[in-house]
N, C-alpha and C. Protein backbone atom coordinates (compact mmCIF):
# COMPACT_ATOMS: atom_id res chain seq x y z
N MET A 1 -138.92 -154.48 73.59
CA MET A 1 -138.47 -153.97 74.66
C MET A 1 -139.74 -152.79 74.85
N PHE A 2 -140.04 -152.06 73.85
CA PHE A 2 -140.97 -151.12 74.10
C PHE A 2 -142.37 -151.81 74.66
N GLY A 3 -142.70 -152.83 73.79
CA GLY A 3 -143.90 -153.55 74.34
C GLY A 3 -143.97 -154.00 75.81
N VAL A 4 -142.72 -154.44 76.35
CA VAL A 4 -142.57 -154.93 77.76
C VAL A 4 -142.70 -153.66 78.38
N THR A 5 -142.01 -152.66 78.16
CA THR A 5 -142.38 -151.19 78.90
C THR A 5 -143.77 -150.74 78.86
N LEU A 6 -144.45 -150.85 77.84
CA LEU A 6 -146.08 -150.50 77.77
C LEU A 6 -146.69 -151.44 78.88
N VAL A 7 -146.34 -152.80 78.82
CA VAL A 7 -147.19 -153.84 79.72
C VAL A 7 -146.96 -153.51 81.02
N PHE A 8 -145.53 -153.16 81.54
CA PHE A 8 -145.25 -152.71 82.76
C PHE A 8 -145.86 -151.36 83.34
N THR A 9 -145.80 -150.50 82.12
CA THR A 9 -146.63 -149.31 82.48
C THR A 9 -148.16 -149.21 82.73
N LEU A 10 -148.93 -150.23 82.03
CA LEU A 10 -150.21 -150.66 82.11
C LEU A 10 -150.50 -150.98 83.73
N VAL A 11 -149.56 -152.24 83.95
CA VAL A 11 -149.47 -152.89 85.44
C VAL A 11 -149.53 -151.67 86.43
N HIS A 12 -148.54 -150.73 86.22
CA HIS A 12 -148.22 -149.58 87.13
C HIS A 12 -149.31 -148.79 87.38
N PHE A 13 -150.07 -148.46 86.15
CA PHE A 13 -151.34 -147.57 86.27
C PHE A 13 -152.39 -148.15 86.91
N PHE A 14 -152.81 -149.57 86.63
CA PHE A 14 -153.85 -150.34 87.28
C PHE A 14 -153.72 -150.45 88.77
N ASN A 15 -152.31 -150.43 89.16
CA ASN A 15 -152.03 -150.60 90.77
C ASN A 15 -152.32 -149.42 91.40
N HIS A 16 -151.83 -148.24 90.88
CA HIS A 16 -151.92 -147.01 91.29
C HIS A 16 -153.33 -146.56 91.20
N LEU A 17 -154.22 -147.08 90.31
CA LEU A 17 -155.59 -146.61 89.97
C LEU A 17 -156.55 -146.83 91.20
N ARG A 18 -156.13 -147.62 92.10
CA ARG A 18 -156.96 -148.00 93.26
C ARG A 18 -156.61 -147.19 94.42
N GLU A 19 -155.25 -146.39 94.50
CA GLU A 19 -155.11 -145.48 95.53
C GLU A 19 -155.92 -144.26 95.55
N ASN A 20 -156.46 -143.81 94.66
CA ASN A 20 -157.22 -142.72 94.46
C ASN A 20 -156.48 -141.43 94.67
N ASP A 21 -155.00 -141.37 94.17
CA ASP A 21 -154.19 -140.34 94.37
C ASP A 21 -154.07 -139.73 92.94
N LEU A 22 -154.79 -138.68 92.68
CA LEU A 22 -154.54 -137.97 91.29
C LEU A 22 -153.17 -137.70 90.75
N ARG A 23 -152.54 -137.26 91.58
CA ARG A 23 -151.09 -137.12 90.83
C ARG A 23 -150.29 -138.45 90.62
N HIS A 24 -150.52 -139.68 91.35
CA HIS A 24 -149.92 -141.12 90.75
C HIS A 24 -150.68 -141.53 89.58
N ASN A 25 -151.85 -141.41 89.45
CA ASN A 25 -152.81 -141.64 88.36
C ASN A 25 -152.24 -140.62 87.06
N ILE A 26 -151.96 -139.50 87.17
CA ILE A 26 -151.82 -138.87 85.93
C ILE A 26 -150.38 -139.14 85.74
N HIS A 27 -149.43 -139.19 86.49
CA HIS A 27 -148.20 -139.96 86.40
C HIS A 27 -148.08 -141.23 85.91
N SER A 28 -148.97 -142.12 86.17
CA SER A 28 -148.93 -143.59 85.51
C SER A 28 -149.54 -143.28 84.03
N PHE A 29 -150.25 -142.49 83.81
CA PHE A 29 -150.92 -142.42 82.57
C PHE A 29 -150.16 -141.72 81.49
N LEU A 30 -149.14 -140.84 82.09
CA LEU A 30 -148.21 -140.36 81.32
C LEU A 30 -147.26 -141.06 80.83
N LEU A 31 -146.90 -141.79 81.72
CA LEU A 31 -146.04 -143.23 81.37
C LEU A 31 -146.58 -144.22 80.02
N ILE A 32 -147.79 -144.44 80.20
CA ILE A 32 -148.34 -145.30 79.38
C ILE A 32 -148.19 -144.54 77.92
N LEU A 33 -148.73 -143.16 77.76
CA LEU A 33 -148.38 -142.41 76.67
C LEU A 33 -146.98 -142.40 76.25
N LEU A 34 -145.88 -142.39 76.95
CA LEU A 34 -144.56 -142.12 76.59
C LEU A 34 -144.36 -143.52 76.40
N ALA A 35 -144.69 -144.63 76.85
CA ALA A 35 -144.19 -146.11 76.19
C ALA A 35 -145.02 -146.12 74.92
N PHE A 36 -146.36 -145.84 74.76
CA PHE A 36 -147.00 -145.93 73.44
C PHE A 36 -146.46 -145.07 72.45
N ALA A 37 -145.85 -143.87 72.67
CA ALA A 37 -145.27 -143.01 71.48
C ALA A 37 -143.92 -143.44 71.15
N PHE A 38 -143.28 -144.40 72.07
CA PHE A 38 -142.14 -144.93 71.64
C PHE A 38 -142.14 -146.32 70.78
N ILE A 39 -143.39 -146.74 70.94
CA ILE A 39 -143.56 -147.87 70.23
C ILE A 39 -144.07 -147.52 68.58
N VAL A 40 -144.61 -146.35 68.64
CA VAL A 40 -145.32 -145.76 67.28
C VAL A 40 -144.12 -145.25 66.63
N PHE A 41 -143.10 -144.72 67.45
CA PHE A 41 -142.01 -143.96 66.94
C PHE A 41 -141.36 -145.30 66.14
N ALA A 42 -140.79 -146.25 66.70
CA ALA A 42 -140.10 -147.42 66.22
C ALA A 42 -140.68 -147.88 65.30
N LEU A 43 -142.21 -147.96 65.17
CA LEU A 43 -142.49 -148.69 63.99
C LEU A 43 -142.61 -147.77 62.74
N LYS A 44 -142.91 -146.27 62.86
CA LYS A 44 -142.88 -145.21 62.09
C LYS A 44 -141.54 -145.23 61.36
N MET A 45 -140.53 -145.36 62.12
CA MET A 45 -139.02 -145.49 61.51
C MET A 45 -138.90 -146.42 60.80
N ARG A 46 -139.41 -147.74 61.19
CA ARG A 46 -139.07 -148.67 60.10
C ARG A 46 -139.90 -148.79 59.15
N LEU A 47 -140.99 -148.35 58.87
CA LEU A 47 -142.13 -148.19 57.98
C LEU A 47 -141.19 -147.39 57.16
N TYR A 48 -140.66 -146.10 57.29
CA TYR A 48 -140.16 -145.07 56.62
C TYR A 48 -139.07 -145.67 55.79
N SER A 49 -138.38 -146.35 56.54
CA SER A 49 -137.07 -146.70 55.88
C SER A 49 -137.37 -147.93 54.64
N LEU A 50 -138.59 -148.73 55.05
CA LEU A 50 -138.75 -149.65 53.99
C LEU A 50 -139.76 -148.97 53.00
N LYS A 51 -140.31 -147.99 52.96
CA LYS A 51 -140.93 -147.18 52.02
C LYS A 51 -139.82 -146.35 51.14
N VAL A 52 -138.77 -145.92 51.71
CA VAL A 52 -137.73 -145.14 50.72
C VAL A 52 -136.95 -146.38 50.38
N GLN A 53 -136.79 -147.63 50.73
CA GLN A 53 -136.11 -148.36 50.02
C GLN A 53 -136.80 -148.99 48.71
N ASP A 54 -138.19 -149.01 49.08
CA ASP A 54 -139.24 -149.45 47.78
C ASP A 54 -139.14 -148.42 46.85
N ARG A 55 -139.00 -147.20 47.21
CA ARG A 55 -138.92 -146.06 46.05
C ARG A 55 -137.71 -146.20 45.34
N VAL A 56 -136.55 -146.55 46.05
CA VAL A 56 -135.04 -146.66 45.36
C VAL A 56 -135.08 -147.87 44.52
N ILE A 57 -135.56 -148.92 44.92
CA ILE A 57 -135.86 -150.36 44.32
C ILE A 57 -136.43 -149.90 42.82
N ARG A 58 -137.50 -149.24 42.99
CA ARG A 58 -138.47 -148.70 41.78
C ARG A 58 -137.84 -147.85 40.88
N LEU A 59 -137.04 -147.21 41.59
CA LEU A 59 -136.05 -146.47 40.64
C LEU A 59 -135.16 -147.27 39.91
N GLU A 60 -134.49 -148.18 40.54
CA GLU A 60 -133.26 -148.66 39.98
C GLU A 60 -133.80 -149.74 39.17
N GLU A 61 -135.04 -150.53 39.29
CA GLU A 61 -135.56 -151.18 38.38
C GLU A 61 -136.01 -150.63 37.16
N ARG A 62 -136.44 -149.42 37.15
CA ARG A 62 -137.03 -148.71 35.66
C ARG A 62 -135.54 -148.52 35.15
N LEU A 63 -134.64 -148.28 35.63
CA LEU A 63 -133.36 -147.99 35.06
C LEU A 63 -132.94 -149.28 34.40
N ARG A 64 -132.84 -150.10 35.10
CA ARG A 64 -132.48 -151.59 34.60
C ARG A 64 -133.26 -152.17 33.37
N LEU A 65 -134.62 -151.98 33.62
CA LEU A 65 -135.35 -152.27 32.58
C LEU A 65 -135.36 -151.57 31.36
N THR A 66 -134.93 -150.29 31.32
CA THR A 66 -134.72 -149.53 30.09
C THR A 66 -133.26 -149.98 29.37
N GLN A 67 -132.54 -150.37 30.18
CA GLN A 67 -131.19 -150.98 29.51
C GLN A 67 -131.21 -152.53 29.12
N VAL A 68 -132.22 -153.24 29.65
CA VAL A 68 -132.39 -154.72 29.13
C VAL A 68 -133.40 -154.90 28.55
N LEU A 69 -134.54 -154.32 28.45
CA LEU A 69 -135.68 -154.81 27.62
C LEU A 69 -135.64 -154.09 26.09
N PRO A 70 -136.23 -154.88 25.35
CA PRO A 70 -136.19 -154.43 23.87
C PRO A 70 -137.34 -153.45 23.81
N GLU A 71 -137.32 -152.90 22.78
CA GLU A 71 -138.13 -151.43 22.43
C GLU A 71 -139.52 -151.79 22.89
N PRO A 72 -140.08 -152.84 22.14
CA PRO A 72 -141.72 -152.70 22.58
C PRO A 72 -142.23 -152.85 23.74
N LEU A 73 -141.35 -153.61 24.61
CA LEU A 73 -141.55 -153.85 26.20
C LEU A 73 -140.95 -152.84 26.83
N ARG A 74 -140.17 -151.64 26.68
CA ARG A 74 -139.37 -150.74 27.11
C ARG A 74 -140.28 -149.52 27.36
N SER A 75 -141.56 -149.54 26.16
CA SER A 75 -142.45 -148.22 26.31
C SER A 75 -143.40 -148.63 27.09
N ARG A 76 -143.59 -149.89 27.56
CA ARG A 76 -144.69 -150.38 28.50
C ARG A 76 -144.10 -150.16 30.19
N ILE A 77 -142.99 -150.01 30.26
CA ILE A 77 -142.27 -149.99 31.71
C ILE A 77 -143.25 -149.03 32.63
N PRO A 78 -144.14 -147.84 32.15
CA PRO A 78 -144.76 -147.29 33.03
C PRO A 78 -146.02 -147.98 33.58
N GLU A 79 -146.24 -149.17 32.88
CA GLU A 79 -147.63 -149.99 33.33
C GLU A 79 -147.43 -150.90 34.58
N LEU A 80 -145.90 -150.90 34.81
CA LEU A 80 -145.79 -152.20 35.97
C LEU A 80 -146.03 -151.13 37.02
N THR A 81 -146.55 -151.85 38.01
CA THR A 81 -146.88 -151.60 39.41
C THR A 81 -145.70 -151.36 40.08
N GLU A 82 -145.68 -150.78 41.30
CA GLU A 82 -144.64 -150.76 42.28
C GLU A 82 -144.41 -152.32 42.88
N SER A 83 -145.35 -152.98 43.08
CA SER A 83 -145.29 -154.07 43.66
C SER A 83 -144.46 -155.12 42.50
N GLN A 84 -145.07 -154.97 41.25
CA GLN A 84 -144.47 -155.72 40.21
C GLN A 84 -142.83 -155.49 40.22
N LEU A 85 -142.63 -154.20 40.14
CA LEU A 85 -141.11 -153.86 39.75
C LEU A 85 -140.37 -154.20 41.27
N ILE A 86 -140.88 -154.30 42.46
CA ILE A 86 -140.20 -154.82 43.40
C ILE A 86 -139.93 -156.24 43.25
N GLY A 87 -140.80 -156.98 42.85
CA GLY A 87 -140.86 -158.48 42.50
C GLY A 87 -139.71 -158.73 41.41
N LEU A 88 -139.68 -158.05 40.49
CA LEU A 88 -138.66 -158.28 39.34
C LEU A 88 -137.38 -158.09 39.73
N ARG A 89 -137.10 -157.32 40.73
CA ARG A 89 -135.67 -157.18 41.19
C ARG A 89 -134.75 -158.39 41.33
N PHE A 90 -135.50 -159.46 41.44
CA PHE A 90 -134.77 -160.76 41.79
C PHE A 90 -134.68 -161.56 40.54
N ALA A 91 -135.24 -161.29 39.46
CA ALA A 91 -134.80 -161.67 37.89
C ALA A 91 -133.78 -161.48 37.48
N SER A 92 -133.13 -162.61 36.74
CA SER A 92 -131.88 -162.53 36.19
C SER A 92 -132.08 -161.61 34.76
N ASP A 93 -131.28 -160.96 34.61
CA ASP A 93 -131.11 -160.06 33.13
C ASP A 93 -131.75 -160.72 32.02
N ALA A 94 -131.35 -162.31 31.76
CA ALA A 94 -131.87 -163.16 30.61
C ALA A 94 -133.24 -163.37 30.87
N GLU A 95 -133.78 -163.73 31.94
CA GLU A 95 -135.30 -163.94 32.29
C GLU A 95 -136.18 -162.87 32.25
N LEU A 96 -135.62 -161.76 32.41
CA LEU A 96 -136.22 -160.45 32.52
C LEU A 96 -137.30 -160.12 31.63
N PRO A 97 -136.98 -160.09 30.28
CA PRO A 97 -138.03 -159.49 29.34
C PRO A 97 -139.22 -160.37 29.22
N LYS A 98 -139.05 -161.78 29.39
CA LYS A 98 -140.32 -162.74 29.54
C LYS A 98 -141.02 -162.57 30.64
N LEU A 99 -140.48 -162.08 31.84
CA LEU A 99 -141.10 -162.08 32.82
C LEU A 99 -141.96 -160.77 33.12
N VAL A 100 -141.32 -159.55 32.27
CA VAL A 100 -142.03 -158.46 32.22
C VAL A 100 -143.17 -158.60 31.35
N ASP A 101 -143.07 -159.26 30.43
CA ASP A 101 -144.24 -159.34 29.46
C ASP A 101 -145.42 -160.11 30.23
N ARG A 102 -145.03 -161.18 31.02
CA ARG A 102 -145.94 -161.85 31.57
C ARG A 102 -146.84 -161.27 32.73
N ALA A 103 -145.81 -160.30 33.40
CA ALA A 103 -146.41 -159.44 34.56
C ALA A 103 -147.26 -158.60 33.85
N LEU A 104 -146.96 -158.02 32.65
CA LEU A 104 -147.82 -156.92 31.89
C LEU A 104 -148.98 -157.52 31.57
N ASN A 105 -149.09 -158.82 30.99
CA ASN A 105 -150.28 -159.31 30.20
C ASN A 105 -151.25 -160.20 31.01
N GLU A 106 -150.50 -160.82 32.12
CA GLU A 106 -151.32 -161.54 33.16
C GLU A 106 -151.31 -160.88 34.27
N LYS A 107 -150.99 -159.67 34.51
CA LYS A 107 -151.29 -158.89 36.02
C LYS A 107 -150.68 -159.74 37.06
N LEU A 108 -149.61 -160.01 36.90
CA LEU A 108 -149.02 -161.00 38.09
C LEU A 108 -148.81 -160.43 39.25
N SER A 109 -148.74 -160.62 40.23
CA SER A 109 -148.49 -160.21 41.63
C SER A 109 -147.21 -160.27 41.79
N ARG A 110 -146.85 -159.72 42.91
CA ARG A 110 -145.07 -159.66 43.55
C ARG A 110 -144.96 -161.30 43.60
N ALA A 111 -145.98 -161.81 44.50
CA ALA A 111 -145.57 -163.14 44.67
C ALA A 111 -145.54 -164.21 43.44
N ASP A 112 -146.43 -163.94 42.61
CA ASP A 112 -146.55 -164.64 41.36
C ASP A 112 -145.30 -164.53 40.68
N ILE A 113 -144.88 -163.42 40.49
CA ILE A 113 -143.69 -163.01 39.85
C ILE A 113 -142.41 -163.79 40.45
N LYS A 114 -142.20 -163.62 41.87
CA LYS A 114 -141.00 -164.48 42.67
C LYS A 114 -140.98 -165.95 42.38
N LYS A 115 -142.46 -166.46 42.34
CA LYS A 115 -142.43 -168.09 41.92
C LYS A 115 -142.19 -168.45 40.55
N ALA A 116 -142.49 -167.30 39.88
CA ALA A 116 -141.72 -167.62 38.28
C ALA A 116 -140.52 -167.52 38.07
N ILE A 117 -139.62 -166.89 38.98
CA ILE A 117 -138.07 -166.70 38.48
C ILE A 117 -137.58 -167.84 38.66
N GLN A 118 -136.66 -168.29 37.50
CA GLN A 118 -135.79 -169.64 37.35
C GLN A 118 -134.45 -169.53 38.15
N ASN A 119 -133.63 -168.18 37.83
CA ASN A 119 -132.47 -167.75 38.08
C ASN A 119 -132.57 -166.51 39.01
N TRP A 120 -132.26 -166.49 40.30
CA TRP A 120 -132.41 -165.65 41.41
C TRP A 120 -131.23 -164.68 41.22
N ARG A 121 -131.41 -163.46 41.32
CA ARG A 121 -130.25 -162.50 41.40
C ARG A 121 -130.46 -161.94 42.89
N PRO A 122 -129.61 -162.10 43.69
CA PRO A 122 -129.68 -161.97 45.19
C PRO A 122 -129.78 -160.20 45.45
N ASP A 123 -130.80 -160.06 46.42
CA ASP A 123 -130.76 -158.50 46.91
C ASP A 123 -130.13 -158.54 48.16
N ASN A 124 -128.53 -158.47 48.06
CA ASN A 124 -128.11 -158.14 49.53
C ASN A 124 -127.93 -156.82 49.97
N TRP A 125 -128.64 -155.98 49.59
CA TRP A 125 -128.49 -154.58 49.94
C TRP A 125 -129.75 -154.17 50.84
N ARG A 126 -130.69 -155.08 51.01
CA ARG A 126 -131.99 -154.83 51.58
C ARG A 126 -131.84 -154.25 53.03
N VAL A 127 -132.34 -153.48 53.48
CA VAL A 127 -132.31 -153.37 54.98
C VAL A 127 -133.17 -154.09 55.76
């Protein structure tokens, strides 16, 4: 909706640009700025909520890893990247130690971790 508004305000601006009326040109330009600001606002809102959710996932997974992993791997939890932690959230508790070991030793990416998961644990709380 905001994108359509931006297109219409651009059309409005270029239609009034030919009229040589400074007041209409300024008004049309301000409408473009307003439409662009709404688009930026909507994108920022979405990005902020995703970033907060990623931080919560990171915290939840670190807590889960301290409960599930054996001691040698538990001390290596800080070595996991945020992307790896987010990928590991889908792994079942049974396969988690093996996947964490592989992620640390092979430097697996989030996509590689997801491909390696055998028993998926759904994340029904994702925004």
